[in-house]
């Protein structure tokens, strides 16, 4: 009887061990399924991505306000050999040895209203002789920042913050990089005219003397 009981005990123990092994294997199998179905899936789906595409068109656009410098009618003072007329940005122009008015003689104000930095090139239609005539006439311009740092890279340095003879044979790049940021994007073109007393000897009296300034904006250099 003792031997039979021991045999039954061994059988019961074997059954328990087999059952435990089966339970452990089942648990491992379940965890494997959970891993591959839940944890491994995101890695397997990495190739499926979403995209947002946007194309922004670039625009170069220059806005010119105070686009006319108008000195009105006047003449050189008696006894003077010439008169000098100068614009001063957004302030009224000044006249010496002449009776023209500076009230409507403001510098040209150029703003980059596009969405990228740009360069600015200028060309006049006439030189001093063609515009004024007479003895030793002068026709000059001066390029300066209306907003601090507006032009980040100057071009023709001879006309930066000082007067230089206008360019009429070809366009001159006066600013290589005019910013487009609001409140920081404006520059002035000021003018200095020296009108000789004998201007009317070569240009008819009582006619309007005028010139056209061509302003071009291109990609920043």
N, C-alpha and C. Protein backbone atom coordinates (compact mmCIF):
# COMPACT_ATOMS: atom_id res chain seq x y z
N UNK A 1 0.84 -1.21 0.00
CA UNK A 1 0.00 0.00 0.00
C UNK A 1 0.87 1.26 0.00
N UNK A 2 1.95 1.25 0.66
CA UNK A 2 2.84 2.40 0.75
C UNK A 2 3.44 2.72 -0.59
N UNK A 3 3.83 1.68 -1.33
CA UNK A 3 4.42 1.90 -2.65
C UNK A 3 3.41 2.49 -3.61
N UNK A 4 2.18 2.05 -3.55
CA UNK A 4 1.14 2.57 -4.44
C UNK A 4 0.88 4.03 -4.14
N UNK A 5 0.89 4.39 -2.85
CA UNK A 5 0.66 5.79 -2.49
C UNK A 5 1.78 6.68 -3.01
N UNK A 6 3.03 6.19 -2.91
CA UNK A 6 4.17 6.97 -3.41
C UNK A 6 4.05 7.14 -4.92
N UNK A 7 3.61 6.10 -5.62
CA UNK A 7 3.46 6.18 -7.09
C UNK A 7 2.41 7.22 -7.46
N UNK A 8 1.31 7.20 -6.68
CA UNK A 8 0.25 8.19 -6.94
C UNK A 8 0.76 9.61 -6.70
N UNK A 9 1.62 9.73 -5.69
CA UNK A 9 2.18 11.07 -5.39
C UNK A 9 3.07 11.56 -6.51
N UNK A 10 3.85 10.65 -7.05
CA UNK A 10 4.72 11.03 -8.17
C UNK A 10 3.89 11.45 -9.38
N UNK A 11 2.85 10.71 -9.62
CA UNK A 11 1.98 11.02 -10.76
C UNK A 11 1.33 12.40 -10.58
N UNK A 12 0.85 12.62 -9.35
CA UNK A 12 0.23 13.93 -9.08
C UNK A 12 1.22 15.08 -9.27
N UNK A 13 2.45 14.87 -8.80
CA UNK A 13 3.49 15.91 -8.93
C UNK A 13 3.81 16.16 -10.40
N UNK A 14 3.89 15.08 -11.17
CA UNK A 14 4.17 15.23 -12.61
C UNK A 14 3.07 16.01 -13.29
N UNK A 15 1.83 15.69 -12.90
CA UNK A 15 0.70 16.39 -13.50
C UNK A 15 0.74 17.89 -13.20
N UNK A 16 1.07 18.20 -11.93
CA UNK A 16 1.16 19.61 -11.51
C UNK A 16 2.25 20.34 -12.28
N UNK A 17 3.39 19.66 -12.44
CA UNK A 17 4.50 20.28 -13.17
C UNK A 17 4.15 20.52 -14.63
N UNK A 18 3.51 19.53 -15.24
CA UNK A 18 3.10 19.69 -16.63
C UNK A 18 2.10 20.82 -16.77
N UNK A 19 1.15 20.88 -15.81
CA UNK A 19 0.14 21.93 -15.85
C UNK A 19 0.79 23.31 -15.69
N UNK A 20 1.72 23.39 -14.76
CA UNK A 20 2.42 24.67 -14.54
C UNK A 20 3.19 25.09 -15.79
N UNK A 21 3.86 24.13 -16.39
CA UNK A 21 4.61 24.42 -17.62
C UNK A 21 3.68 24.92 -18.72
N UNK A 22 2.52 24.26 -18.81
CA UNK A 22 1.54 24.64 -19.82
C UNK A 22 1.03 26.06 -19.58
N UNK A 23 0.76 26.39 -18.31
CA UNK A 23 0.27 27.73 -17.94
C UNK A 23 1.32 28.78 -18.27
N UNK A 24 2.58 28.46 -17.92
CA UNK A 24 3.68 29.40 -18.20
C UNK A 24 3.82 29.61 -19.70
N UNK A 25 3.74 28.53 -20.46
CA UNK A 25 3.86 28.63 -21.92
C UNK A 25 2.72 29.45 -22.49
N UNK A 26 1.50 29.25 -21.93
CA UNK A 26 0.35 30.00 -22.40
C UNK A 26 0.50 31.48 -22.11
N UNK A 27 1.00 31.79 -20.92
CA UNK A 27 1.21 33.20 -20.55
C UNK A 27 2.24 33.84 -21.47
N UNK A 28 3.32 33.11 -21.74
CA UNK A 28 4.37 33.62 -22.63
C UNK A 28 3.82 33.87 -24.03
N UNK A 29 2.97 32.95 -24.48
CA UNK A 29 2.37 33.09 -25.80
C UNK A 29 1.49 34.34 -25.87
N UNK A 30 0.70 34.54 -24.81
CA UNK A 30 -0.20 35.70 -24.76
C UNK A 30 0.60 37.00 -24.78
N UNK A 31 1.68 37.02 -23.96
CA UNK A 31 2.51 38.23 -23.92
C UNK A 31 3.21 38.48 -25.25
N UNK A 32 3.54 37.41 -25.96
CA UNK A 32 4.15 37.56 -27.28
C UNK A 32 3.17 38.21 -28.25
N UNK A 33 1.91 37.73 -28.19
CA UNK A 33 0.90 38.34 -29.05
C UNK A 33 0.70 39.81 -28.72
N UNK A 34 0.65 40.14 -27.44
CA UNK A 34 0.46 41.53 -27.03
C UNK A 34 1.61 42.39 -27.54
N UNK A 35 2.82 41.90 -27.42
CA UNK A 35 4.00 42.66 -27.86
C UNK A 35 3.96 42.95 -29.35
N UNK A 36 3.72 41.89 -30.14
CA UNK A 36 3.75 42.06 -31.58
C UNK A 36 2.55 42.83 -32.11
N UNK A 37 1.42 42.73 -31.45
CA UNK A 37 0.21 43.40 -31.92
C UNK A 37 0.14 44.85 -31.47
N UNK A 38 0.68 45.11 -30.27
CA UNK A 38 0.53 46.46 -29.71
C UNK A 38 1.83 47.24 -29.77
N UNK A 39 2.90 46.62 -29.23
CA UNK A 39 4.16 47.36 -29.13
C UNK A 39 4.91 47.41 -30.45
N UNK A 40 4.88 46.36 -31.19
CA UNK A 40 5.67 46.31 -32.42
C UNK A 40 4.98 46.97 -33.60
N UNK A 41 3.68 47.21 -33.52
CA UNK A 41 2.95 47.76 -34.65
C UNK A 41 3.40 49.16 -35.06
N UNK A 42 3.60 50.10 -34.10
CA UNK A 42 4.02 51.43 -34.52
C UNK A 42 5.29 51.41 -35.34
N UNK A 43 6.26 50.57 -34.96
CA UNK A 43 7.50 50.48 -35.73
C UNK A 43 7.22 49.95 -37.12
N UNK A 44 6.33 49.00 -37.22
CA UNK A 44 6.00 48.43 -38.51
C UNK A 44 5.29 49.41 -39.42
N UNK A 45 4.57 50.41 -38.83
CA UNK A 45 3.82 51.38 -39.61
C UNK A 45 4.55 52.69 -39.80
N UNK A 46 5.85 52.76 -39.49
CA UNK A 46 6.60 54.00 -39.58
C UNK A 46 6.65 54.55 -41.00
N UNK A 47 6.48 53.69 -41.98
CA UNK A 47 6.55 54.12 -43.38
C UNK A 47 5.34 54.96 -43.76
N UNK A 48 4.27 54.89 -42.99
CA UNK A 48 3.07 55.63 -43.29
C UNK A 48 3.14 56.97 -42.58
N UNK A 49 3.49 58.05 -43.31
CA UNK A 49 3.68 59.38 -42.73
C UNK A 49 2.74 60.38 -43.40
N UNK A 50 2.42 61.43 -42.66
CA UNK A 50 1.60 62.50 -43.20
C UNK A 50 2.47 63.71 -43.54
N UNK A 51 2.11 64.46 -44.57
CA UNK A 51 2.89 65.62 -45.01
C UNK A 51 1.98 66.82 -45.21
N UNK A 52 2.52 68.00 -44.90
CA UNK A 52 1.84 69.25 -45.20
C UNK A 52 2.75 70.04 -46.13
N UNK A 53 2.33 70.25 -47.35
CA UNK A 53 3.14 70.95 -48.34
C UNK A 53 2.63 72.37 -48.55
N UNK A 54 3.56 73.33 -48.63
CA UNK A 54 3.19 74.73 -48.81
C UNK A 54 4.25 75.41 -49.66
N UNK A 55 3.83 76.11 -50.69
CA UNK A 55 4.74 76.87 -51.53
C UNK A 55 4.42 78.35 -51.37
N UNK A 56 5.43 79.15 -51.01
CA UNK A 56 5.25 80.58 -50.84
C UNK A 56 5.89 81.30 -52.03
N UNK A 57 5.10 82.04 -52.76
CA UNK A 57 5.63 82.80 -53.88
C UNK A 57 6.38 84.03 -53.37
N UNK A 58 7.55 84.29 -53.94
CA UNK A 58 8.31 85.47 -53.56
C UNK A 58 7.85 86.67 -54.38
N UNK A 59 7.91 87.82 -53.75
CA UNK A 59 7.44 89.04 -54.40
C UNK A 59 8.41 90.18 -54.12
N UNK A 60 8.90 90.81 -55.18
CA UNK A 60 9.69 92.02 -55.06
C UNK A 60 8.79 93.18 -55.48
N UNK A 61 8.55 94.09 -54.55
CA UNK A 61 7.67 95.21 -54.85
C UNK A 61 8.17 96.45 -54.10
N UNK A 62 8.40 97.52 -54.84
CA UNK A 62 8.84 98.78 -54.26
C UNK A 62 7.72 99.80 -54.34
N UNK A 63 7.46 100.44 -53.23
CA UNK A 63 6.43 101.48 -53.18
C UNK A 63 7.14 102.83 -53.03
N UNK A 64 6.83 103.75 -53.93
CA UNK A 64 7.46 105.07 -53.90
C UNK A 64 6.42 106.12 -53.51
N UNK A 65 6.59 106.69 -52.33
CA UNK A 65 5.73 107.80 -51.90
C UNK A 65 6.57 109.07 -51.93
N UNK A 66 5.90 110.22 -51.80
CA UNK A 66 6.60 111.49 -52.06
C UNK A 66 7.32 111.36 -53.41
N UNK A 67 6.58 110.89 -54.41
CA UNK A 67 7.21 110.49 -55.67
C UNK A 67 7.46 111.65 -56.63
N UNK A 68 7.18 112.87 -56.20
CA UNK A 68 7.45 114.04 -57.03
C UNK A 68 8.14 115.11 -56.20
N UNK A 69 9.28 115.56 -56.67
CA UNK A 69 9.98 116.68 -56.03
C UNK A 69 9.62 117.93 -56.83
N UNK A 70 8.83 118.80 -56.24
CA UNK A 70 8.31 119.96 -56.98
C UNK A 70 8.77 121.26 -56.30
N UNK A 71 9.67 121.95 -56.97
CA UNK A 71 10.18 123.22 -56.43
C UNK A 71 9.31 124.39 -56.85
N UNK A 72 8.39 124.16 -57.75
CA UNK A 72 7.57 125.26 -58.24
C UNK A 72 8.36 126.21 -59.13
N UNK A 73 7.87 127.44 -59.28
CA UNK A 73 8.52 128.44 -60.13
C UNK A 73 9.45 129.32 -59.31
N UNK A 74 10.56 129.74 -59.88
CA UNK A 74 11.49 130.60 -59.18
C UNK A 74 12.62 131.04 -60.07
N UNK A 75 13.55 131.77 -59.49
CA UNK A 75 14.69 132.25 -60.25
C UNK A 75 15.87 132.50 -59.31
N UNK A 76 17.03 132.63 -59.91
CA UNK A 76 18.24 132.90 -59.14
C UNK A 76 18.18 134.35 -58.67
N UNK A 77 18.59 134.58 -57.43
CA UNK A 77 18.59 135.93 -56.88
C UNK A 77 19.49 136.86 -57.69
N UNK A 78 19.10 138.12 -57.76
CA UNK A 78 19.89 139.11 -58.47
C UNK A 78 21.25 139.26 -57.78
N UNK A 79 22.28 139.25 -58.55
CA UNK A 79 23.63 139.39 -58.02
C UNK A 79 24.30 138.06 -57.72
N UNK A 80 23.54 136.97 -57.69
CA UNK A 80 24.12 135.63 -57.44
C UNK A 80 24.44 134.95 -58.76
N UNK A 81 25.45 134.09 -58.76
CA UNK A 81 25.80 133.37 -59.99
C UNK A 81 25.00 132.08 -60.15
N UNK A 82 24.46 131.55 -59.03
CA UNK A 82 23.64 130.34 -59.09
C UNK A 82 22.82 130.22 -57.82
N UNK A 83 21.89 129.31 -57.82
CA UNK A 83 21.08 128.99 -56.65
C UNK A 83 21.21 127.51 -56.35
N UNK A 84 21.16 127.15 -55.07
CA UNK A 84 21.29 125.75 -54.67
C UNK A 84 20.00 125.30 -54.00
N UNK A 85 19.45 124.18 -54.50
CA UNK A 85 18.20 123.63 -53.98
C UNK A 85 18.48 122.21 -53.47
N UNK A 86 18.08 121.91 -52.23
CA UNK A 86 18.39 120.61 -51.62
C UNK A 86 17.16 120.07 -50.92
N UNK A 87 16.87 118.78 -51.13
CA UNK A 87 15.82 118.11 -50.35
C UNK A 87 16.44 117.45 -49.12
N UNK A 88 15.60 117.23 -48.11
CA UNK A 88 16.07 116.67 -46.84
C UNK A 88 15.13 115.58 -46.35
N UNK A 89 15.03 114.50 -47.09
CA UNK A 89 14.17 113.39 -46.67
C UNK A 89 12.72 113.83 -46.57
N UNK A 90 12.13 113.61 -45.41
CA UNK A 90 10.73 113.95 -45.20
C UNK A 90 10.50 115.38 -44.76
N UNK A 91 11.57 116.17 -44.69
CA UNK A 91 11.45 117.57 -44.31
C UNK A 91 11.42 118.44 -45.56
N UNK A 92 10.94 119.68 -45.40
CA UNK A 92 10.84 120.56 -46.57
C UNK A 92 12.23 120.90 -47.08
N UNK A 93 12.32 121.13 -48.39
CA UNK A 93 13.60 121.44 -49.00
C UNK A 93 14.07 122.84 -48.67
N UNK A 94 15.36 123.07 -48.88
CA UNK A 94 15.95 124.39 -48.62
C UNK A 94 16.47 124.99 -49.93
N UNK A 95 16.41 126.32 -49.99
CA UNK A 95 16.86 127.05 -51.17
C UNK A 95 17.79 128.17 -50.73
N UNK A 96 18.92 128.27 -51.37
CA UNK A 96 19.83 129.40 -51.11
C UNK A 96 20.10 130.13 -52.41
N UNK A 97 20.06 131.47 -52.35
CA UNK A 97 20.31 132.35 -53.50
C UNK A 97 19.29 132.16 -54.61
N UNK A 98 18.07 131.84 -54.23
CA UNK A 98 16.98 131.71 -55.19
C UNK A 98 15.66 131.83 -54.46
N UNK A 99 14.57 131.95 -55.21
CA UNK A 99 13.26 132.12 -54.56
C UNK A 99 12.28 130.99 -54.85
N UNK A 100 12.80 129.80 -55.17
CA UNK A 100 11.93 128.63 -55.28
C UNK A 100 11.42 128.24 -53.90
N UNK A 101 10.38 127.43 -53.86
CA UNK A 101 9.81 127.00 -52.59
C UNK A 101 10.16 125.54 -52.31
N UNK A 102 10.54 125.27 -51.07
CA UNK A 102 10.86 123.89 -50.70
C UNK A 102 9.71 123.15 -50.06
N UNK A 103 8.53 123.79 -49.99
CA UNK A 103 7.38 123.18 -49.31
C UNK A 103 7.00 121.83 -49.89
N UNK A 104 6.99 121.72 -51.21
CA UNK A 104 6.62 120.46 -51.86
C UNK A 104 7.84 119.71 -52.40
N UNK A 105 8.98 120.07 -51.90
CA UNK A 105 10.22 119.43 -52.36
C UNK A 105 10.74 118.51 -51.26
N UNK A 106 10.16 117.31 -51.19
CA UNK A 106 10.57 116.29 -50.23
C UNK A 106 11.35 115.21 -50.97
N UNK A 107 12.24 114.53 -50.27
CA UNK A 107 12.97 113.43 -50.89
C UNK A 107 12.03 112.30 -51.28
N UNK A 108 12.41 111.56 -52.32
CA UNK A 108 11.63 110.38 -52.69
C UNK A 108 11.77 109.34 -51.59
N UNK A 109 10.67 108.72 -51.20
CA UNK A 109 10.66 107.72 -50.13
C UNK A 109 10.33 106.37 -50.75
N UNK A 110 11.28 105.43 -50.66
CA UNK A 110 11.12 104.09 -51.26
C UNK A 110 11.00 103.05 -50.15
N UNK A 111 9.98 102.21 -50.25
CA UNK A 111 9.78 101.12 -49.29
C UNK A 111 9.74 99.78 -50.03
N UNK A 112 10.36 98.78 -49.44
CA UNK A 112 10.28 97.42 -49.95
C UNK A 112 9.04 96.77 -49.34
N UNK A 113 7.96 96.72 -50.10
CA UNK A 113 6.69 96.17 -49.59
C UNK A 113 6.47 94.74 -50.07
N UNK A 114 7.53 94.11 -50.59
CA UNK A 114 7.43 92.71 -50.99
C UNK A 114 7.65 91.79 -49.79
N UNK A 115 8.01 90.54 -50.05
CA UNK A 115 8.21 89.59 -48.94
C UNK A 115 9.61 88.99 -48.92
N UNK A 116 10.55 89.61 -49.65
CA UNK A 116 11.96 89.21 -49.59
C UNK A 116 12.82 90.46 -49.66
N UNK A 117 14.06 90.33 -49.19
CA UNK A 117 15.02 91.42 -49.33
C UNK A 117 15.28 91.65 -50.82
N UNK A 118 15.56 92.88 -51.19
CA UNK A 118 15.81 93.16 -52.60
C UNK A 118 16.91 94.22 -52.75
N UNK A 119 17.42 94.32 -53.96
CA UNK A 119 18.37 95.38 -54.28
C UNK A 119 17.60 96.51 -54.97
N UNK A 120 18.18 97.70 -54.93
CA UNK A 120 17.54 98.88 -55.54
C UNK A 120 18.53 99.54 -56.49
N UNK A 121 18.09 99.73 -57.73
CA UNK A 121 18.93 100.39 -58.74
C UNK A 121 18.22 101.65 -59.24
N UNK A 122 19.00 102.71 -59.46
CA UNK A 122 18.45 103.99 -59.91
C UNK A 122 19.10 104.42 -61.22
N UNK A 123 18.32 105.12 -62.02
CA UNK A 123 18.86 105.74 -63.22
C UNK A 123 18.07 107.00 -63.53
N UNK A 124 18.79 108.09 -63.76
CA UNK A 124 18.13 109.33 -64.14
C UNK A 124 17.99 109.38 -65.65
N UNK A 125 17.12 110.26 -66.13
CA UNK A 125 16.94 110.40 -67.57
C UNK A 125 17.87 111.43 -68.17
N UNK A 126 18.42 112.32 -67.33
CA UNK A 126 19.27 113.40 -67.80
C UNK A 126 20.44 113.60 -66.84
N UNK A 127 21.48 114.24 -67.35
CA UNK A 127 22.53 114.71 -66.45
C UNK A 127 22.31 116.20 -66.19
N UNK A 128 23.25 116.84 -65.51
CA UNK A 128 23.06 118.23 -65.14
C UNK A 128 22.93 119.15 -66.36
N UNK A 129 23.72 118.89 -67.39
CA UNK A 129 23.68 119.72 -68.59
C UNK A 129 22.34 119.59 -69.31
N UNK A 130 21.86 118.35 -69.42
CA UNK A 130 20.59 118.13 -70.09
C UNK A 130 19.40 118.62 -69.29
N UNK A 131 19.53 118.63 -67.98
CA UNK A 131 18.43 119.02 -67.11
C UNK A 131 18.37 120.54 -66.93
N UNK A 132 19.54 121.17 -66.72
CA UNK A 132 19.56 122.59 -66.36
C UNK A 132 20.23 123.47 -67.42
N UNK A 133 21.34 123.00 -67.99
CA UNK A 133 22.08 123.84 -68.93
C UNK A 133 22.79 124.97 -68.20
N UNK A 134 23.31 125.90 -68.95
CA UNK A 134 24.00 127.03 -68.36
C UNK A 134 25.42 126.71 -67.98
N UNK A 135 25.98 127.56 -67.13
CA UNK A 135 27.38 127.45 -66.72
C UNK A 135 27.51 126.68 -65.41
N UNK A 136 28.22 125.56 -65.44
CA UNK A 136 28.52 124.74 -64.26
C UNK A 136 27.27 124.32 -63.47
N UNK A 137 26.28 123.74 -64.13
CA UNK A 137 25.12 123.23 -63.38
C UNK A 137 25.49 121.96 -62.63
N UNK A 138 24.74 121.64 -61.59
CA UNK A 138 24.95 120.39 -60.85
C UNK A 138 23.61 119.72 -60.59
N UNK A 139 23.62 118.41 -60.75
CA UNK A 139 22.42 117.59 -60.53
C UNK A 139 22.90 116.34 -59.83
N UNK A 140 22.60 116.21 -58.54
CA UNK A 140 23.14 115.14 -57.71
C UNK A 140 22.04 114.49 -56.88
N UNK A 141 22.34 113.28 -56.44
CA UNK A 141 21.43 112.60 -55.50
C UNK A 141 22.20 112.00 -54.33
N UNK A 142 21.46 111.67 -53.33
CA UNK A 142 22.01 111.14 -52.08
C UNK A 142 21.08 110.06 -51.58
N UNK A 143 21.60 108.87 -51.28
CA UNK A 143 20.79 107.74 -50.81
C UNK A 143 21.05 107.56 -49.31
N UNK A 144 19.99 107.47 -48.52
CA UNK A 144 20.16 107.31 -47.07
C UNK A 144 19.02 106.45 -46.51
N UNK A 145 19.23 105.94 -45.31
CA UNK A 145 18.20 105.13 -44.65
C UNK A 145 17.13 106.04 -44.05
N UNK A 146 15.88 105.78 -44.41
CA UNK A 146 14.76 106.45 -43.74
C UNK A 146 14.47 105.73 -42.42
N UNK A 147 14.67 104.42 -42.40
CA UNK A 147 14.57 103.60 -41.20
C UNK A 147 15.95 103.04 -40.88
N UNK A 148 16.31 103.05 -39.61
CA UNK A 148 17.64 102.59 -39.21
C UNK A 148 17.90 101.17 -39.70
N UNK A 149 19.01 100.98 -40.42
CA UNK A 149 19.38 99.64 -40.88
C UNK A 149 18.57 99.11 -42.04
N UNK A 150 17.77 99.95 -42.69
CA UNK A 150 16.92 99.47 -43.79
C UNK A 150 17.75 98.83 -44.90
N UNK A 151 18.79 99.53 -45.32
CA UNK A 151 19.69 98.97 -46.33
C UNK A 151 20.83 98.28 -45.60
N UNK A 152 20.86 96.96 -45.69
CA UNK A 152 21.86 96.19 -44.96
C UNK A 152 23.18 96.06 -45.68
N UNK A 153 23.21 96.42 -46.97
CA UNK A 153 24.45 96.33 -47.76
C UNK A 153 24.37 97.36 -48.87
N UNK A 154 25.20 98.38 -48.77
CA UNK A 154 25.15 99.46 -49.75
C UNK A 154 25.81 99.06 -51.04
N UNK A 155 25.36 99.66 -52.12
CA UNK A 155 25.92 99.40 -53.43
C UNK A 155 26.91 100.47 -53.79
N UNK A 156 26.45 101.48 -54.53
CA UNK A 156 27.32 102.57 -54.95
C UNK A 156 27.58 103.50 -53.76
N UNK A 157 28.72 103.31 -53.12
CA UNK A 157 29.00 104.02 -51.87
C UNK A 157 29.19 105.52 -52.07
N UNK A 158 29.48 105.95 -53.30
CA UNK A 158 29.70 107.38 -53.52
C UNK A 158 28.44 108.20 -53.28
N UNK A 159 27.27 107.56 -53.28
CA UNK A 159 26.03 108.30 -53.08
C UNK A 159 25.37 107.99 -51.73
N UNK A 160 26.07 107.24 -50.87
CA UNK A 160 25.51 106.91 -49.56
C UNK A 160 25.76 108.05 -48.58
N UNK A 161 24.68 108.68 -48.13
CA UNK A 161 24.74 109.76 -47.14
C UNK A 161 25.56 110.97 -47.59
N UNK A 162 25.84 111.07 -48.88
CA UNK A 162 26.47 112.27 -49.42
C UNK A 162 26.09 112.39 -50.89
N UNK A 163 26.12 113.60 -51.39
CA UNK A 163 25.65 113.82 -52.76
C UNK A 163 26.72 113.44 -53.78
N UNK A 164 26.25 112.81 -54.86
CA UNK A 164 27.10 112.42 -55.98
C UNK A 164 26.32 112.65 -57.26
N UNK A 165 27.01 112.84 -58.35
CA UNK A 165 26.35 113.08 -59.62
C UNK A 165 25.44 111.91 -59.98
N UNK A 166 24.29 112.22 -60.54
CA UNK A 166 23.32 111.19 -60.91
C UNK A 166 23.89 110.30 -62.01
N UNK A 167 23.39 109.09 -62.10
CA UNK A 167 23.74 108.17 -63.19
C UNK A 167 22.65 108.24 -64.25
N UNK A 168 23.01 108.59 -65.47
CA UNK A 168 22.00 108.64 -66.52
C UNK A 168 22.33 107.75 -67.71
N UNK A 169 23.55 107.23 -67.78
CA UNK A 169 23.90 106.35 -68.89
C UNK A 169 23.56 104.89 -68.60
N UNK A 170 23.49 104.53 -67.32
CA UNK A 170 23.16 103.15 -66.93
C UNK A 170 22.62 103.15 -65.50
N UNK A 171 21.87 102.10 -65.17
CA UNK A 171 21.33 101.97 -63.82
C UNK A 171 22.46 101.70 -62.83
N UNK A 172 22.38 102.31 -61.66
CA UNK A 172 23.37 102.11 -60.61
C UNK A 172 22.70 101.46 -59.41
N UNK A 173 23.23 100.34 -58.95
CA UNK A 173 22.68 99.68 -57.76
C UNK A 173 23.16 100.43 -56.53
N UNK A 174 22.23 101.09 -55.85
CA UNK A 174 22.60 101.92 -54.70
C UNK A 174 22.45 101.17 -53.38
N UNK A 175 21.62 100.12 -53.39
CA UNK A 175 21.46 99.29 -52.19
C UNK A 175 21.38 97.84 -52.63
N UNK A 176 22.25 97.01 -52.07
CA UNK A 176 22.26 95.59 -52.43
C UNK A 176 21.25 94.76 -51.63
N UNK A 177 20.84 95.28 -50.48
CA UNK A 177 19.96 94.49 -49.61
C UNK A 177 19.05 95.40 -48.81
N UNK A 178 17.88 95.66 -49.36
CA UNK A 178 16.86 96.45 -48.66
C UNK A 178 15.88 95.50 -48.00
N UNK A 179 15.77 95.58 -46.69
CA UNK A 179 14.93 94.63 -45.96
C UNK A 179 13.45 94.85 -46.27
N UNK A 180 12.64 93.80 -46.06
CA UNK A 180 11.19 93.89 -46.28
C UNK A 180 10.42 93.96 -44.97
N UNK A 181 11.11 93.97 -43.83
CA UNK A 181 10.44 93.97 -42.54
C UNK A 181 9.72 95.29 -42.30
N UNK A 182 8.48 95.22 -41.88
CA UNK A 182 7.67 96.42 -41.68
C UNK A 182 8.32 97.34 -40.66
N UNK A 183 8.32 98.63 -40.98
CA UNK A 183 8.89 99.62 -40.08
C UNK A 183 10.40 99.74 -40.18
N UNK A 184 11.02 98.92 -41.05
CA UNK A 184 12.48 98.94 -41.18
C UNK A 184 12.92 98.94 -42.64
N UNK A 185 12.04 99.26 -43.56
CA UNK A 185 12.28 98.95 -44.97
C UNK A 185 12.35 100.17 -45.88
N UNK A 186 12.47 101.37 -45.33
CA UNK A 186 12.42 102.57 -46.15
C UNK A 186 13.75 103.27 -46.33
N UNK A 187 13.99 103.81 -47.54
CA UNK A 187 15.16 104.64 -47.81
C UNK A 187 14.72 105.93 -48.51
N UNK A 188 15.56 106.95 -48.41
CA UNK A 188 15.29 108.23 -49.08
C UNK A 188 16.23 108.42 -50.27
N UNK A 189 15.72 109.08 -51.30
CA UNK A 189 16.57 109.62 -52.36
C UNK A 189 16.40 111.14 -52.29
N UNK A 190 17.47 111.82 -51.93
CA UNK A 190 17.44 113.28 -51.89
C UNK A 190 18.19 113.83 -53.09
N UNK A 191 17.91 115.11 -53.39
CA UNK A 191 18.50 115.74 -54.58
C UNK A 191 19.12 117.09 -54.24
N UNK A 192 20.16 117.39 -54.98
CA UNK A 192 20.83 118.70 -54.87
C UNK A 192 20.98 119.26 -56.28
N UNK A 193 20.40 120.44 -56.49
CA UNK A 193 20.48 121.11 -57.78
C UNK A 193 21.24 122.43 -57.61
N UNK A 194 22.19 122.66 -58.48
CA UNK A 194 22.83 123.97 -58.57
C UNK A 194 22.40 124.57 -59.90
N UNK A 195 21.55 125.61 -59.80
CA UNK A 195 20.95 126.22 -60.98
C UNK A 195 21.73 127.49 -61.32
N UNK A 196 22.40 127.52 -62.46
CA UNK A 196 23.20 128.71 -62.82
C UNK A 196 22.32 129.88 -63.26
N UNK A 197 22.86 131.09 -63.10
CA UNK A 197 22.10 132.29 -63.47
C UNK A 197 21.76 132.32 -64.95
N UNK A 198 22.61 131.71 -65.77
CA UNK A 198 22.37 131.73 -67.22
C UNK A 198 21.65 130.48 -67.71
N UNK A 199 20.91 129.79 -66.82
CA UNK A 199 20.18 128.59 -67.21
C UNK A 199 19.25 128.86 -68.39
N UNK A 200 18.66 130.05 -68.43
CA UNK A 200 17.70 130.35 -69.48
C UNK A 200 18.36 130.62 -70.82
N UNK A 201 19.70 130.70 -70.83
CA UNK A 201 20.39 130.90 -72.10
C UNK A 201 20.38 129.64 -72.94
N UNK A 202 20.25 128.49 -72.30
CA UNK A 202 20.27 127.21 -73.03
C UNK A 202 18.95 126.46 -72.92
N UNK A 203 18.13 126.81 -71.95
CA UNK A 203 16.83 126.15 -71.78
C UNK A 203 15.76 127.22 -71.75
N UNK A 204 14.74 127.09 -72.54
CA UNK A 204 13.74 128.14 -72.71
C UNK A 204 13.13 128.59 -71.39
N UNK A 205 12.95 129.88 -71.25
CA UNK A 205 12.36 130.45 -70.05
C UNK A 205 10.89 130.06 -69.94
N UNK A 206 10.41 130.02 -68.69
CA UNK A 206 9.00 129.75 -68.37
C UNK A 206 8.55 128.35 -68.76
N UNK A 207 9.48 127.41 -68.93
CA UNK A 207 9.11 126.01 -69.16
C UNK A 207 9.45 125.20 -67.93
N UNK A 208 8.76 124.12 -67.74
CA UNK A 208 9.00 123.25 -66.60
C UNK A 208 10.18 122.34 -66.90
N UNK A 209 11.19 122.42 -66.07
CA UNK A 209 12.34 121.53 -66.23
C UNK A 209 12.06 120.27 -65.41
N UNK A 210 12.13 119.11 -66.05
CA UNK A 210 11.75 117.88 -65.35
C UNK A 210 12.67 116.73 -65.76
N UNK A 211 12.77 115.78 -64.89
CA UNK A 211 13.50 114.55 -65.17
C UNK A 211 12.75 113.40 -64.52
N UNK A 212 12.91 112.22 -65.09
CA UNK A 212 12.28 111.02 -64.55
C UNK A 212 13.35 110.09 -64.00
N UNK A 213 13.15 109.65 -62.75
CA UNK A 213 14.06 108.71 -62.11
C UNK A 213 13.46 107.30 -62.21
N UNK A 214 14.20 106.40 -62.83
CA UNK A 214 13.75 105.00 -62.93
C UNK A 214 14.29 104.21 -61.75
N UNK A 215 13.39 103.55 -61.04
CA UNK A 215 13.75 102.79 -59.84
C UNK A 215 13.42 101.33 -60.08
N UNK A 216 14.41 100.47 -59.98
CA UNK A 216 14.21 99.04 -60.19
C UNK A 216 14.55 98.24 -58.94
N UNK A 217 13.72 97.24 -58.65
CA UNK A 217 14.00 96.32 -57.56
C UNK A 217 14.30 94.93 -58.11
N UNK A 218 15.36 94.32 -57.63
CA UNK A 218 15.75 92.99 -58.07
C UNK A 218 16.09 92.13 -56.84
N UNK A 219 16.42 90.87 -57.06
CA UNK A 219 16.81 90.00 -55.96
C UNK A 219 18.02 90.58 -55.24
N UNK A 220 18.06 90.41 -53.94
CA UNK A 220 19.15 90.96 -53.15
C UNK A 220 20.47 90.33 -53.60
N UNK A 221 21.49 91.14 -53.66
CA UNK A 221 22.81 90.67 -54.10
C UNK A 221 23.49 89.94 -52.95
